[in-house]
C-alpha atoms as a PDB file:
ATOM      1  CA  MET A   1     106.414 108.194 112.984  1.00  0.00           C
ATOM      2  CA  ASP A   2     105.240 111.272 111.073  1.00  0.00           C
ATOM      3  CA  ARG A   3     102.021 110.902 109.096  1.00  0.00           C
ATOM      4  CA  TYR A   4     102.133 112.267 105.557  1.00  0.00           C
ATOM      5  CA  GLN A   5      99.532 112.747 102.857  1.00  0.00           C
ATOM      6  CA  LEU A   6     100.733 110.703  99.897  1.00  0.00           C
ATOM      7  CA  SER A   7      99.767 112.697  96.812  1.00  0.00           C
ATOM      8  CA  LEU A   8     102.452 110.917  94.817  1.00  0.00           C
ATOM      9  CA  PRO A   9     102.431 108.978  91.539  1.00  0.00           C
ATOM     10  CA  GLY A  10     102.739 105.974  93.858  1.00  0.00           C
ATOM     11  CA  PRO A  11     102.549 104.691  96.446  1.00  0.00           C
ATOM     12  CA  THR A  12      99.298 106.386  97.289  1.00  0.00           C
ATOM     13  CA  GLU A  13      96.826 106.617 100.148  1.00  0.00           C
ATOM     14  CA  TYR A  14      94.932 103.462 101.070  1.00  0.00           C
ATOM     15  CA  ASP A  15      91.462 102.828 102.401  1.00  0.00           C
ATOM     16  CA  PRO A  16      91.571 101.885 106.127  1.00  0.00           C
ATOM     17  CA  GLU A  17      89.658  98.690 105.298  1.00  0.00           C
ATOM     18  CA  VAL A  18      92.482  97.688 102.955  1.00  0.00           C
ATOM     19  CA  LEU A  19      95.232  98.448 105.482  1.00  0.00           C
ATOM     20  CA  ALA A  20      93.377  96.490 108.163  1.00  0.00           C
ATOM     21  CA  LYS A  21      93.931  93.323 106.135  1.00  0.00           C
ATOM     22  CA  LEU A  22      97.668  93.602 106.769  1.00  0.00           C
ATOM     23  CA  GLU A  23      96.937  92.915 110.443  1.00  0.00           C
ATOM     24  CA  CYS A  24      94.903  89.768 109.861  1.00  0.00           C
ATOM     25  CA  PRO A  25      96.293  86.502 111.280  1.00  0.00           C
ATOM     26  CA  VAL A  26      98.719  84.932 108.823  1.00  0.00           C
ATOM     27  CA  LEU A  27      97.491  81.815 107.055  1.00  0.00           C
ATOM     28  CA  PRO A  28      99.617  79.210 105.293  1.00  0.00           C
ATOM     29  CA  HIS A  29      99.847  80.049 101.600  1.00  0.00           C
ATOM     30  CA  TYR A  30      98.635  76.600 100.555  1.00  0.00           C
ATOM     31  CA  GLY A  31      95.870  74.135 101.325  1.00  0.00           C
ATOM     32  CA  ASP A  32      92.171  74.438 101.987  1.00  0.00           C
ATOM     33  CA  LEU A  33      92.387  77.375 104.409  1.00  0.00           C
ATOM     34  CA  TRP A  34      93.822  79.584 101.665  1.00  0.00           C
ATOM     35  CA  LEU A  35      92.890  78.288  98.220  1.00  0.00           C
ATOM     36  CA  ALA A  36      89.279  79.492  98.147  1.00  0.00           C
ATOM     37  CA  THR A  37      90.529  83.019  98.836  1.00  0.00           C
ATOM     38  CA  TYR A  38      93.248  82.706  96.192  1.00  0.00           C
ATOM     39  CA  TRP A  39      90.827  81.646  93.433  1.00  0.00           C
ATOM     40  CA  GLU A  40      88.467  84.448  94.439  1.00  0.00           C
ATOM     41  CA  ILE A  41      91.305  86.966  94.087  1.00  0.00           C
ATOM     42  CA  LEU A  42      92.013  85.759  90.548  1.00  0.00           C
ATOM     43  CA  ASP A  43      88.318  86.024  89.680  1.00  0.00           C
ATOM     44  CA  LEU A  44      88.174  89.591  90.991  1.00  0.00           C
ATOM     45  CA  LEU A  45      91.297  90.443  89.015  1.00  0.00           C
ATOM     46  CA  LYS A  46      89.727  89.148  85.806  1.00  0.00           C
ATOM     47  CA  GLN A  47      86.793  91.473  86.444  1.00  0.00           C
ATOM     48  CA  VAL A  48      89.124  94.445  86.902  1.00  0.00           C
ATOM     49  CA  PHE A  49      91.155  93.597  83.788  1.00  0.00           C
ATOM     50  CA  ARG A  50      87.830  92.876  82.010  1.00  0.00           C
ATOM     51  CA  THR A  51      89.201  89.659  80.613  1.00  0.00           C
ATOM     52  CA  LYS A  52      88.650  85.919  80.377  1.00  0.00           C
ATOM     53  CA  ASN A  53      92.377  85.381  79.915  1.00  0.00           C
ATOM     54  CA  ARG A  54      94.646  83.716  82.440  1.00  0.00           C
ATOM     55  CA  VAL A  55      95.721  86.037  85.236  1.00  0.00           C
ATOM     56  CA  TYR A  56      98.676  85.808  87.613  1.00  0.00           C
ATOM     57  CA  VAL A  57      99.640  87.665  90.777  1.00  0.00           C
ATOM     58  CA  ILE A  58     103.405  87.491  91.234  1.00  0.00           C
ATOM     59  CA  PRO A  59     105.123  88.805  94.370  1.00  0.00           C
ATOM     60  CA  GLY A  60     107.281  91.673  93.133  1.00  0.00           C
ATOM     61  CA  SER A  61     107.023  95.147  91.642  1.00  0.00           C
ATOM     62  CA  GLY A  62     105.221  96.066  88.453  1.00  0.00           C
ATOM     63  CA  SER A  63     108.556  95.938  86.660  1.00  0.00           C
ATOM     64  CA  SER A  64     108.905  92.283  87.662  1.00  0.00           C
ATOM     65  CA  GLY A  65     105.649  91.647  85.798  1.00  0.00           C
ATOM     66  CA  LEU A  66     107.069  93.240  82.658  1.00  0.00           C
ATOM     67  CA  ASP A  67     110.261  91.224  83.089  1.00  0.00           C
ATOM     68  CA  ALA A  68     108.172  88.052  83.408  1.00  0.00           C
ATOM     69  CA  VAL A  69     106.389  88.747  80.116  1.00  0.00           C
ATOM     70  CA  PHE A  70     109.551  89.378  78.107  1.00  0.00           C
ATOM     71  CA  THR A  71     111.448  86.559  79.828  1.00  0.00           C
ATOM     72  CA  SER A  72     108.651  84.188  78.890  1.00  0.00           C
ATOM     73  CA  LEU A  73     108.477  85.332  75.258  1.00  0.00           C
ATOM     74  CA  GLY A  74     112.213  84.999  74.666  1.00  0.00           C
ATOM     75  CA  PRO A  75     114.088  86.075  71.523  1.00  0.00           C
ATOM     76  CA  LYS A  76     111.526  87.770  69.314  1.00  0.00           C
ATOM     77  CA  ARG A  77     111.457  90.904  67.172  1.00  0.00           C
ATOM     78  CA  GLY A  78     109.672  93.761  68.893  1.00  0.00           C
ATOM     79  CA  LEU A  79     108.790  97.426  68.458  1.00  0.00           C
ATOM     80  CA  ILE A  80     108.717  99.386  71.731  1.00  0.00           C
ATOM     81  CA  LEU A  81     107.076 102.816  71.966  1.00  0.00           C
ATOM     82  CA  ASN A  82     108.911 105.235  74.266  1.00  0.00           C
ATOM     83  CA  ASN A  83     107.808 108.766  75.164  1.00  0.00           C
ATOM     84  CA  GLY A  84     108.876 108.957  78.796  1.00  0.00           C
ATOM     85  CA  THR A  85     110.964 107.486  81.599  1.00  0.00           C
ATOM     86  CA  PHE A  86     108.866 104.357  81.930  1.00  0.00           C
ATOM     87  CA  GLY A  87     108.889 103.868  78.184  1.00  0.00           C
ATOM     88  CA  THR A  88     112.678 103.882  78.540  1.00  0.00           C
ATOM     89  CA  ARG A  89     112.404 101.254  81.272  1.00  0.00           C
ATOM     90  CA  LEU A  90     110.073  99.159  79.124  1.00  0.00           C
ATOM     91  CA  SER A  91     112.640  99.368  76.319  1.00  0.00           C
ATOM     92  CA  ALA A  92     115.460  98.347  78.665  1.00  0.00           C
ATOM     93  CA  ILE A  93     113.558  95.310  79.963  1.00  0.00           C
ATOM     94  CA  ALA A  94     112.520  94.233  76.468  1.00  0.00           C
ATOM     95  CA  SER A  95     116.047  94.625  75.096  1.00  0.00           C
ATOM     96  CA  ARG A  96     117.393  92.061  77.591  1.00  0.00           C
ATOM     97  CA  HIS A  97     115.251  89.330  76.046  1.00  0.00           C
ATOM     98  CA  LEU A  98     114.245  90.201  72.482  1.00  0.00           C
ATOM     99  CA  SER A  99     116.507  89.148  69.636  1.00  0.00           C
ATOM    100  CA  GLU A 100     115.697  92.436  67.923  1.00  0.00           C
ATOM    101  CA  CYS A 101     114.422  95.449  69.859  1.00  0.00           C
ATOM    102  CA  THR A 102     113.519  98.582  67.902  1.00  0.00           C
ATOM    103  CA  VAL A 103     112.477 101.674  69.855  1.00  0.00           C
ATOM    104  CA  LEU A 104     110.217 104.342  68.388  1.00  0.00           C
ATOM    105  CA  GLU A 105     111.225 107.273  70.567  1.00  0.00           C
ATOM    106  CA  LYS A 106     109.462 110.602  71.087  1.00  0.00           C
ATOM    107  CA  GLN A 107     110.167 113.515  73.390  1.00  0.00           C
ATOM    108  CA  PRO A 108     108.716 113.156  76.906  1.00  0.00           C
ATOM    109  CA  GLY A 109     105.023 114.007  76.747  1.00  0.00           C
ATOM    110  CA  GLU A 110     104.836 113.890  72.945  1.00  0.00           C
ATOM    111  CA  PRO A 111     102.070 111.593  71.645  1.00  0.00           C
ATOM    112  CA  PHE A 112     102.602 108.910  69.013  1.00  0.00           C
ATOM    113  CA  GLU A 113     100.990 109.591  65.658  1.00  0.00           C
ATOM    114  CA  GLN A 114      99.213 106.619  64.153  1.00  0.00           C
ATOM    115  CA  GLU A 115     100.901 107.054  60.785  1.00  0.00           C
ATOM    116  CA  GLU A 116     104.406 106.885  62.257  1.00  0.00           C
ATOM    117  CA  VAL A 117     103.530 103.771  64.267  1.00  0.00           C
ATOM    118  CA  GLU A 118     102.042 102.125  61.156  1.00  0.00           C
ATOM    119  CA  ASN A 119     105.131 103.026  59.119  1.00  0.00           C
ATOM    120  CA  ALA A 120     107.429 101.636  61.800  1.00  0.00           C
ATOM    121  CA  LEU A 121     105.459  98.381  61.999  1.00  0.00           C
ATOM    122  CA  SER A 122     105.519  98.050  58.216  1.00  0.00           C
ATOM    123  CA  SER A 123     109.285  98.528  58.012  1.00  0.00           C
ATOM    124  CA  GLN A 124     110.090  95.101  59.513  1.00  0.00           C
ATOM    125  CA  ASP A 125     108.455  91.787  60.295  1.00  0.00           C
ATOM    126  CA  TYR A 126     107.789  92.451  63.979  1.00  0.00           C
ATOM    127  CA  GLN A 127     106.223  89.892  66.299  1.00  0.00           C
ATOM    128  CA  LEU A 128     105.091  92.269  69.034  1.00  0.00           C
ATOM    129  CA  LEU A 129     104.355  95.886  69.937  1.00  0.00           C
ATOM    130  CA  ALA A 130     104.683  97.208  73.502  1.00  0.00           C
ATOM    131  CA  VAL A 131     103.641 100.534  75.044  1.00  0.00           C
ATOM    132  CA  VAL A 132     103.171 102.211  78.426  1.00  0.00           C
ATOM    133  CA  HIS A 133      99.509 103.156  78.849  1.00  0.00           C
ATOM    134  CA  GLY A 134      99.937 105.673  81.688  1.00  0.00           C
ATOM    135  CA  GLU A 135     103.349 107.372  81.571  1.00  0.00           C
ATOM    136  CA  THR A 136     103.585 108.792  85.091  1.00  0.00           C
ATOM    137  CA  SER A 137     106.874 110.590  84.431  1.00  0.00           C
ATOM    138  CA  THR A 138     104.922 113.151  82.380  1.00  0.00           C
ATOM    139  CA  GLY A 139     101.254 112.551  83.259  1.00  0.00           C
ATOM    140  CA  MET A 140     100.772 111.151  79.747  1.00  0.00           C
ATOM    141  CA  LEU A 141      97.968 108.824  78.641  1.00  0.00           C
ATOM    142  CA  ASN A 142      98.918 106.927  75.501  1.00  0.00           C
ATOM    143  CA  GLN A 143      95.793 105.996  73.543  1.00  0.00           C
ATOM    144  CA  LEU A 144      95.459 102.259  72.855  1.00  0.00           C
ATOM    145  CA  GLU A 145      92.616 101.899  70.348  1.00  0.00           C
ATOM    146  CA  ASN A 146      94.596 102.501  67.145  1.00  0.00           C
ATOM    147  CA  LEU A 147      97.607 100.571  68.448  1.00  0.00           C
ATOM    148  CA  ALA A 148      95.372  97.593  69.175  1.00  0.00           C
ATOM    149  CA  ALA A 149      93.918  97.808  65.667  1.00  0.00           C
ATOM    150  CA  ALA A 150      97.403  97.895  64.141  1.00  0.00           C
ATOM    151  CA  CYS A 151      98.371  94.756  66.061  1.00  0.00           C
ATOM    152  CA  ARG A 152      95.195  92.931  65.053  1.00  0.00           C
ATOM    153  CA  LYS A 153      95.765  93.803  61.411  1.00  0.00           C
ATOM    154  CA  ARG A 154      99.227  92.221  61.526  1.00  0.00           C
ATOM    155  CA  SER A 155      98.379  89.406  63.977  1.00  0.00           C
ATOM    156  CA  ILE A 156     101.207  90.449  66.275  1.00  0.00           C
ATOM    157  CA  LEU A 157     101.271  90.451  70.077  1.00  0.00           C
ATOM    158  CA  PHE A 158     100.101  93.578  71.894  1.00  0.00           C
ATOM    159  CA  ILE A 159     101.791  94.239  75.260  1.00  0.00           C
ATOM    160  CA  VAL A 160     100.603  97.025  77.563  1.00  0.00           C
ATOM    161  CA  ASP A 161     102.182  98.423  80.719  1.00  0.00           C
ATOM    162  CA  ALA A 162      99.060  99.415  82.670  1.00  0.00           C
ATOM    163  CA  ILE A 163     100.860  99.797  86.003  1.00  0.00           C
ATOM    164  CA  SER A 164      99.586 103.344  86.527  1.00  0.00           C
ATOM    165  CA  SER A 165      96.272 103.069  84.712  1.00  0.00           C
ATOM    166  CA  LEU A 166      94.489  99.831  85.675  1.00  0.00           C
ATOM    167  CA  GLY A 167      91.542 100.707  87.894  1.00  0.00           C
ATOM    168  CA  GLY A 168      91.701 104.443  87.243  1.00  0.00           C
ATOM    169  CA  VAL A 169      91.386 104.680  83.453  1.00  0.00           C
ATOM    170  CA  PRO A 170      88.980 102.911  81.063  1.00  0.00           C
ATOM    171  CA  LEU A 171      90.725  99.702  80.038  1.00  0.00           C
ATOM    172  CA  ASP A 172      89.147  96.579  78.565  1.00  0.00           C
ATOM    173  CA  VAL A 173      91.732  93.888  77.883  1.00  0.00           C
ATOM    174  CA  ASP A 174      89.543  91.548  75.863  1.00  0.00           C
ATOM    175  CA  ARG A 175      87.853  94.211  73.760  1.00  0.00           C
ATOM    176  CA  LEU A 176      91.228  95.692  72.821  1.00  0.00           C
ATOM    177  CA  GLY A 177      92.808  92.293  72.298  1.00  0.00           C
ATOM    178  CA  ILE A 178      95.721  92.931  74.661  1.00  0.00           C
ATOM    179  CA  ASP A 179      97.835  89.784  74.856  1.00  0.00           C
ATOM    180  CA  PHE A 180      99.846  90.770  77.923  1.00  0.00           C
ATOM    181  CA  CYS A 181      98.609  93.472  80.271  1.00  0.00           C
ATOM    182  CA  VAL A 182     100.802  94.197  83.299  1.00  0.00           C
ATOM    183  CA  SER A 183      99.883  96.213  86.365  1.00  0.00           C
ATOM    184  CA  ALA A 184     100.744  96.488  90.068  1.00  0.00           C
ATOM    185  CA  SER A 185      98.892  96.556  93.357  1.00  0.00           C
ATOM    186  CA  GLN A 186      99.934  99.971  94.676  1.00  0.00           C
ATOM    187  CA  LYS A 187      98.582 102.414  92.105  1.00  0.00           C
ATOM    188  CA  ALA A 188      94.959 103.013  91.126  1.00  0.00           C
ATOM    189  CA  LEU A 189      93.831  99.663  92.523  1.00  0.00           C
ATOM    190  CA  GLY A 190      94.573 101.038  95.977  1.00  0.00           C
ATOM    191  CA  ALA A 191      96.471  98.164  97.620  1.00  0.00           C
ATOM    192  CA  PRO A 192      99.948  98.249  99.212  1.00  0.00           C
ATOM    193  CA  PRO A 193     103.024  97.695  97.024  1.00  0.00           C
ATOM    194  CA  GLY A 194     104.500  94.286  96.410  1.00  0.00           C
ATOM    195  CA  LEU A 195     102.371  92.468  93.827  1.00  0.00           C
ATOM    196  CA  ALA A 196     102.696  92.376  90.037  1.00  0.00           C
ATOM    197  CA  LEU A 197      99.486  91.615  88.136  1.00  0.00           C
ATOM    198  CA  ILE A 198      99.500  89.978  84.700  1.00  0.00           C
ATOM    199  CA  SER A 199      96.784  89.124  82.204  1.00  0.00           C
ATOM    200  CA  ALA A 200      98.010  86.698  79.528  1.00  0.00           C
ATOM    201  CA  SER A 201      96.094  85.542  76.445  1.00  0.00           C
ATOM    202  CA  GLU A 202      96.218  82.081  74.883  1.00  0.00           C
ATOM    203  CA  LYS A 203      97.788  83.686  71.811  1.00  0.00           C
ATOM    204  CA  GLY A 204     100.490  85.016  74.113  1.00  0.00           C
ATOM    205  CA  PHE A 205     101.097  81.583  75.630  1.00  0.00           C
ATOM    206  CA  ASP A 206     101.238  79.981  72.196  1.00  0.00           C
ATOM    207  CA  ALA A 207     104.039  82.398  71.316  1.00  0.00           C
ATOM    208  CA  MET A 208     106.223  81.246  74.241  1.00  0.00           C
ATOM    209  CA  PRO A 209     108.967  78.626  73.943  1.00  0.00           C
ATOM    210  CA  PRO A 210     108.672  75.445  76.045  1.00  0.00           C
ATOM    211  CA  GLU A 211     109.208  76.037  79.754  1.00  0.00           C
ATOM    212  CA  ASP A 212     112.742  74.579  79.864  1.00  0.00           C
ATOM    213  CA  LYS A 213     113.816  76.801  76.945  1.00  0.00           C
ATOM    214  CA  ILE A 214     112.885  80.002  78.775  1.00  0.00           C
ATOM    215  CA  HIS A 215     115.851  81.598  80.565  1.00  0.00           C
ATOM    216  CA  GLY A 216     114.176  82.044  83.917  1.00  0.00           C
ATOM    217  CA  TRP A 217     112.204  80.135  86.521  1.00  0.00           C
ATOM    218  CA  TYR A 218     110.583  82.569  88.954  1.00  0.00           C
ATOM    219  CA  LEU A 219     109.621  85.030  86.198  1.00  0.00           C
ATOM    220  CA  ASN A 220     108.649  82.281  83.775  1.00  0.00           C
ATOM    221  CA  LEU A 221     104.899  82.292  83.095  1.00  0.00           C
ATOM    222  CA  ARG A 222     105.034  78.697  81.871  1.00  0.00           C
ATOM    223  CA  THR A 223     106.388  77.738  85.312  1.00  0.00           C
ATOM    224  CA  TRP A 224     103.397  79.454  86.927  1.00  0.00           C
ATOM    225  CA  ALA A 225     101.058  77.730  84.479  1.00  0.00           C
ATOM    226  CA  TRP A 226     102.624  74.317  85.244  1.00  0.00           C
ATOM    227  CA  TYR A 227     102.103  74.688  88.980  1.00  0.00           C
ATOM    228  CA  GLU A 228      98.573  75.967  88.438  1.00  0.00           C
ATOM    229  CA  LYS A 229      97.767  72.740  86.589  1.00  0.00           C
ATOM    230  CA  GLU A 230      99.850  70.122  88.406  1.00  0.00           C
ATOM    231  CA  TRP A 231      99.571  71.394  92.001  1.00  0.00           C
ATOM    232  CA  ARG A 232      96.123  72.934  91.583  1.00  0.00           C
ATOM    233  CA  ASP A 233      94.508  71.222  94.567  1.00  0.00           C
ATOM    234  CA  TRP A 234      96.918  72.536  97.198  1.00  0.00           C
ATOM    235  CA  HIS A 235      99.713  74.890  95.922  1.00  0.00           C
ATOM    236  CA  PRO A 236      98.928  76.231  92.404  1.00  0.00           C
ATOM    237  CA  TYR A 237     101.928  78.594  92.190  1.00  0.00           C
ATOM    238  CA  PRO A 238     105.678  78.026  92.428  1.00  0.00           C
ATOM    239  CA  VAL A 239     106.597  80.282  95.373  1.00  0.00           C
ATOM    240  CA  THR A 240     105.562  81.362  98.855  1.00  0.00           C
ATOM    241  CA  LEU A 241     102.841  84.010  98.660  1.00  0.00           C
ATOM    242  CA  PRO A 242     102.670  87.065 100.975  1.00  0.00           C
ATOM    243  CA  VAL A 243      99.118  86.204 101.980  1.00  0.00           C
ATOM    244  CA  ASN A 244      98.383  89.457 103.804  1.00  0.00           C
ATOM    245  CA  LEU A 245      99.287  91.488 100.710  1.00  0.00           C
ATOM    246  CA  PHE A 246      96.927  89.245  98.757  1.00  0.00           C
ATOM    247  CA  GLN A 247      94.197  89.844 101.355  1.00  0.00           C
ATOM    248  CA  ALA A 248      94.714  93.615 101.065  1.00  0.00           C
ATOM    249  CA  LEU A 249      94.531  93.400  97.265  1.00  0.00           C
ATOM    250  CA  LYS A 250      91.322  91.374  97.554  1.00  0.00           C
ATOM    251  CA  LYS A 251      89.698  94.006  99.764  1.00  0.00           C
ATOM    252  CA  ALA A 252      90.840  96.829  97.435  1.00  0.00           C
ATOM    253  CA  MET A 253      89.317  95.107  94.402  1.00  0.00           C
ATOM    254  CA  GLU A 254      86.096  94.368  96.310  1.00  0.00           C
ATOM    255  CA  LEU A 255      85.762  98.057  97.187  1.00  0.00           C
ATOM    256  CA  LEU A 256      86.478  99.061  93.579  1.00  0.00           C
ATOM    257  CA  LEU A 257      83.902  96.658  92.131  1.00  0.00           C
ATOM    258  CA  ARG A 258      81.337  97.590  94.804  1.00  0.00           C
ATOM    259  CA  GLU A 259      81.614 101.222  93.710  1.00  0.00           C
ATOM    260  CA  GLY A 260      81.375 100.090  90.099  1.00  0.00           C
ATOM    261  CA  ILE A 261      84.369 100.205  87.788  1.00  0.00           C
ATOM    262  CA  ALA A 262      82.759 102.745  85.442  1.00  0.00           C
ATOM    263  CA  ASN A 263      82.010 104.958  88.461  1.00  0.00           C
ATOM    264  CA  VAL A 264      85.626 104.666  89.597  1.00  0.00           C
ATOM    265  CA  TRP A 265      86.861 105.687  86.139  1.00  0.00           C
ATOM    266  CA  GLU A 266      84.534 108.686  86.227  1.00  0.00           C
ATOM    267  CA  ARG A 267      85.714 109.656  89.722  1.00  0.00           C
ATOM    268  CA  HIS A 268      89.335 109.702  88.543  1.00  0.00           C
ATOM    269  CA  ARG A 269      88.435 111.743  85.450  1.00  0.00           C
ATOM    270  CA  SER A 270      86.456 114.251  87.501  1.00  0.00           C
ATOM    271  CA  ILE A 271      89.132 114.701  90.175  1.00  0.00           C
ATOM    272  CA  SER A 272      91.869 115.143  87.582  1.00  0.00           C
ATOM    273  CA  GLU A 273      89.849 117.828  85.786  1.00  0.00           C
ATOM    274  CA  GLU A 274      89.149 119.542  89.109  1.00  0.00           C
ATOM    275  CA  LEU A 275      92.878 119.617  89.835  1.00  0.00           C
ATOM    276  CA  TRP A 276      93.827 120.830  86.333  1.00  0.00           C
ATOM    277  CA  SER A 277      91.351 123.716  86.633  1.00  0.00           C
ATOM    278  CA  SER A 278      92.535 124.722  90.118  1.00  0.00           C
ATOM    279  CA  LEU A 279      96.207 124.671  89.148  1.00  0.00           C
ATOM    280  CA  GLN A 280      95.589 126.807  86.075  1.00  0.00           C
ATOM    281  CA  HIS A 281      93.874 129.422  88.296  1.00  0.00           C
ATOM    282  CA  LEU A 282      97.218 129.609  90.147  1.00  0.00           C
ATOM    283  CA  GLY A 283      99.133 130.137  86.894  1.00  0.00           C
ATOM    284  CA  ILE A 284     100.407 126.543  86.844  1.00  0.00           C
ATOM    285  CA  GLN A 285     100.043 124.986  83.408  1.00  0.00           C
ATOM    286  CA  PRO A 286      99.590 121.275  82.638  1.00  0.00           C
ATOM    287  CA  PHE A 287     102.650 119.678  81.070  1.00  0.00           C
ATOM    288  CA  ILE A 288     100.441 117.663  78.685  1.00  0.00           C
ATOM    289  CA  THR A 289      98.583 120.175  76.545  1.00  0.00           C
ATOM    290  CA  LYS A 290      96.167 117.809  74.769  1.00  0.00           C
ATOM    291  CA  GLU A 291      93.354 116.947  77.149  1.00  0.00           C
ATOM    292  CA  ASN A 292      92.719 113.480  75.714  1.00  0.00           C
ATOM    293  CA  HIS A 293      96.343 112.599  76.479  1.00  0.00           C
ATOM    294  CA  ARG A 294      96.269 113.685  80.139  1.00  0.00           C
ATOM    295  CA  LEU A 295      96.502 110.783  82.548  1.00  0.00           C
ATOM    296  CA  PRO A 296      93.541 110.780  84.988  1.00  0.00           C
ATOM    297  CA  THR A 297      95.645 109.232  87.782  1.00  0.00           C
ATOM    298  CA  VAL A 298      98.667 111.587  87.761  1.00  0.00           C
ATOM    299  CA  THR A 299      98.941 115.265  86.846  1.00  0.00           C
ATOM    300  CA  ALA A 300     102.239 116.760  85.698  1.00  0.00           C
ATOM    301  CA  ALA A 301     102.453 120.558  85.624  1.00  0.00           C
ATOM    302  CA  LEU A 302     104.878 123.386  84.993  1.00  0.00           C
ATOM    303  CA  LEU A 303     105.462 125.922  87.763  1.00  0.00           C
ATOM    304  CA  PRO A 304     105.428 129.589  86.691  1.00  0.00           C
ATOM    305  CA  GLY A 305     108.481 131.813  86.519  1.00  0.00           C
ATOM    306  CA  LYS A 306     111.604 130.647  88.303  1.00  0.00           C
ATOM    307  CA  TYR A 307     109.890 128.457  90.881  1.00  0.00           C
ATOM    308  CA  ARG A 308     111.519 125.034  91.278  1.00  0.00           C
ATOM    309  CA  SER A 309     109.687 121.798  91.920  1.00  0.00           C
ATOM    310  CA  GLU A 310     112.034 120.789  94.723  1.00  0.00           C
ATOM    311  CA  ASP A 311     111.282 124.013  96.621  1.00  0.00           C
ATOM    312  CA  LEU A 312     107.548 123.377  96.415  1.00  0.00           C
ATOM    313  CA  GLN A 313     108.042 119.768  97.495  1.00  0.00           C
ATOM    314  CA  GLU A 314     110.015 120.866 100.558  1.00  0.00           C
ATOM    315  CA  PHE A 315     107.426 123.551 101.442  1.00  0.00           C
ATOM    316  CA  LEU A 316     104.501 121.123 101.235  1.00  0.00           C
ATOM    317  CA  GLN A 317     106.261 118.435 103.227  1.00  0.00           C
ATOM    318  CA  THR A 318     107.555 120.754 105.962  1.00  0.00           C
ATOM    319  CA  ASN A 319     104.454 122.877 106.444  1.00  0.00           C
ATOM    320  CA  PHE A 320     101.580 120.569 105.571  1.00  0.00           C
ATOM    321  CA  GLY A 321     102.890 117.018 105.614  1.00  0.00           C
ATOM    322  CA  ILE A 322     101.982 116.624 101.937  1.00  0.00           C
ATOM    323  CA  LEU A 323     104.218 114.613  99.620  1.00  0.00           C
ATOM    324  CA  ILE A 324     104.162 115.274  95.879  1.00  0.00           C
ATOM    325  CA  ALA A 325     106.798 114.407  93.295  1.00  0.00           C
ATOM    326  CA  GLY A 326     109.080 116.369  91.039  1.00  0.00           C
ATOM    327  CA  GLY A 327     109.997 115.290  87.558  1.00  0.00           C
ATOM    328  CA  VAL A 328     112.332 112.452  86.668  1.00  0.00           C
ATOM    329  CA  GLY A 329     115.304 112.487  84.341  1.00  0.00           C
ATOM    330  CA  PRO A 330     115.657 115.708  82.334  1.00  0.00           C
ATOM    331  CA  LEU A 331     112.352 117.000  83.772  1.00  0.00           C
ATOM    332  CA  ARG A 332     113.421 116.598  87.411  1.00  0.00           C
ATOM    333  CA  LYS A 333     113.352 120.309  88.363  1.00  0.00           C
ATOM    334  CA  ARG A 334     110.957 121.532  85.668  1.00  0.00           C
ATOM    335  CA  ILE A 335     107.696 119.839  86.598  1.00  0.00           C
ATOM    336  CA  ILE A 336     105.679 118.737  89.591  1.00  0.00           C
ATOM    337  CA  ARG A 337     103.711 115.503  89.612  1.00  0.00           C
ATOM    338  CA  ILE A 338     100.631 115.004  91.757  1.00  0.00           C
ATOM    339  CA  GLY A 339      99.072 111.575  92.186  1.00  0.00           C
ATOM    340  CA  HIS A 340      95.306 111.245  92.559  1.00  0.00           C
ATOM    341  CA  MET A 341      94.521 107.579  92.195  1.00  0.00           C
ATOM    342  CA  GLY A 342      92.616 104.965  94.111  1.00  0.00           C
ATOM    343  CA  TYR A 343      91.641 106.203  97.587  1.00  0.00           C
ATOM    344  CA  SER A 344      93.485 109.487  96.871  1.00  0.00           C
ATOM    345  CA  ALA A 345      91.149 110.380  94.011  1.00  0.00           C
ATOM    346  CA  LYS A 346      89.025 112.560  96.289  1.00  0.00           C
ATOM    347  CA  SER A 347      88.428 116.301  96.331  1.00  0.00           C
ATOM    348  CA  TRP A 348      89.779 116.941  99.805  1.00  0.00           C
ATOM    349  CA  PHE A 349      93.152 115.378  98.953  1.00  0.00           C
ATOM    350  CA  VAL A 350      93.698 117.522  95.858  1.00  0.00           C
ATOM    351  CA  ASN A 351      92.180 120.616  97.495  1.00  0.00           C
ATOM    352  CA  ARG A 352      94.768 120.434 100.272  1.00  0.00           C
ATOM    353  CA  VAL A 353      97.535 120.273  97.656  1.00  0.00           C
ATOM    354  CA  VAL A 354      96.099 123.251  95.771  1.00  0.00           C
ATOM    355  CA  ALA A 355      95.589 125.387  98.899  1.00  0.00           C
ATOM    356  CA  ALA A 356      99.092 124.671 100.171  1.00  0.00           C
ATOM    357  CA  THR A 357     100.591 125.371  96.728  1.00  0.00           C
ATOM    358  CA  ALA A 358      98.776 128.720  96.643  1.00  0.00           C
ATOM    359  CA  GLN A 359     100.476 129.654  99.916  1.00  0.00           C
ATOM    360  CA  PHE A 360     103.843 128.664  98.465  1.00  0.00           C
ATOM    361  CA  LEU A 361     103.323 130.910  95.435  1.00  0.00           C
ATOM    362  CA  GLN A 362     102.340 133.809  97.692  1.00  0.00           C
END
C-alpha cells in the first residue's frame, strides 16, 4: 500500500508508539484485566479536558458525541452559533432533538460579535448555547471566553464542539464552565479515529430527563452513567469497547501530558505561525484575516490567481505523496486546508508541504 503524508484536517499522522498499541494482544473489555486501564484512561482524559467533571469515551465519531449530548438533553430551547460547515452540522444535530432551535448564522470564516450574541440570547428564554470551537472548514478559531461569560450570566448550558481543538489549543473546561465539551480521538490528541470524548458537568446532568424519557439508548449519557454506577466492578459501560483503540488513545494522552499540555499548545501555535509566514512568502494568503481567530491546528488559505485547490491537491499527492484538503461546501475549489495537529505539528511536515507547493506554483 502507498504511504502518504497526512497533512489533512483529520485524520492526521500518528506517533509510532501510538500505532504500536493497535498490535497489542486483545484483552476482554471487562473484568480485572481491563478495568485498571479503563479508569486510568478516564483520569488522563480529565487532565486533558482540565476538568473534574464526568468524562465518557464512546465508540463512534466526534459527531456521535454531539448526538449523544443533544439526545440526552431532549426537547429544550437552544441557540446554535454557525459560521462554517461544522457549525451547520452542529445545527442539524441539535435541531433533531431541541424543541426550539435558533441558529445565529454568519458567513464562513466571519467571527461572532459579542453584542450580536448577547442580543440573540436576550431575545428569547434559551436554555443552552452551542458553538464549534475549531471550525476546520475555514481554519477558524471561535473565541470562548465571552460566550462562557454570557452563559454564566444567564445560568444556561454551554456546549462546545472541541473536536478539532482539544489538545492543540488552550482549553480549560472547568475554568470556562463548559457543561458539555465534545472531542474525538483522531485530531490534535493524536490517536486513531473511532472514539468520541465527552466531558459532562453535574449541571448538564441535572438538565437531562430521566433515562427512560430520553429517546435513545446507546447515545444516552444517563445509560452510560447507570452502567458506570451499577456495573462498576466489572463492566462500567453499556457496550463492547474497542480496547486497542482505547490503548492507542491512552498512549497518545500519555505522550501529550509527558510533553506538557502548555508546551503542546505552544508547539501548535508556533508551527501554525511558521506555516502562515511561509505560505504568504509564496503569495498564498490566509483565509482567516484576524490572527486571533486562526485555528492553530488547521490552516485554510487562498491560492493566488486562477490556481485551483484540486489541482494543487493532485500535484502534491502524485509527486510527493502529500495529502492536503480543499475547501468544503461553497469553498470547495477556493481554498486549501492544511492540517498540522498532534504528531503532524512539526516543522518538517509543514516544510515539505510548503516546498512542494512552491514547485506547483512554479
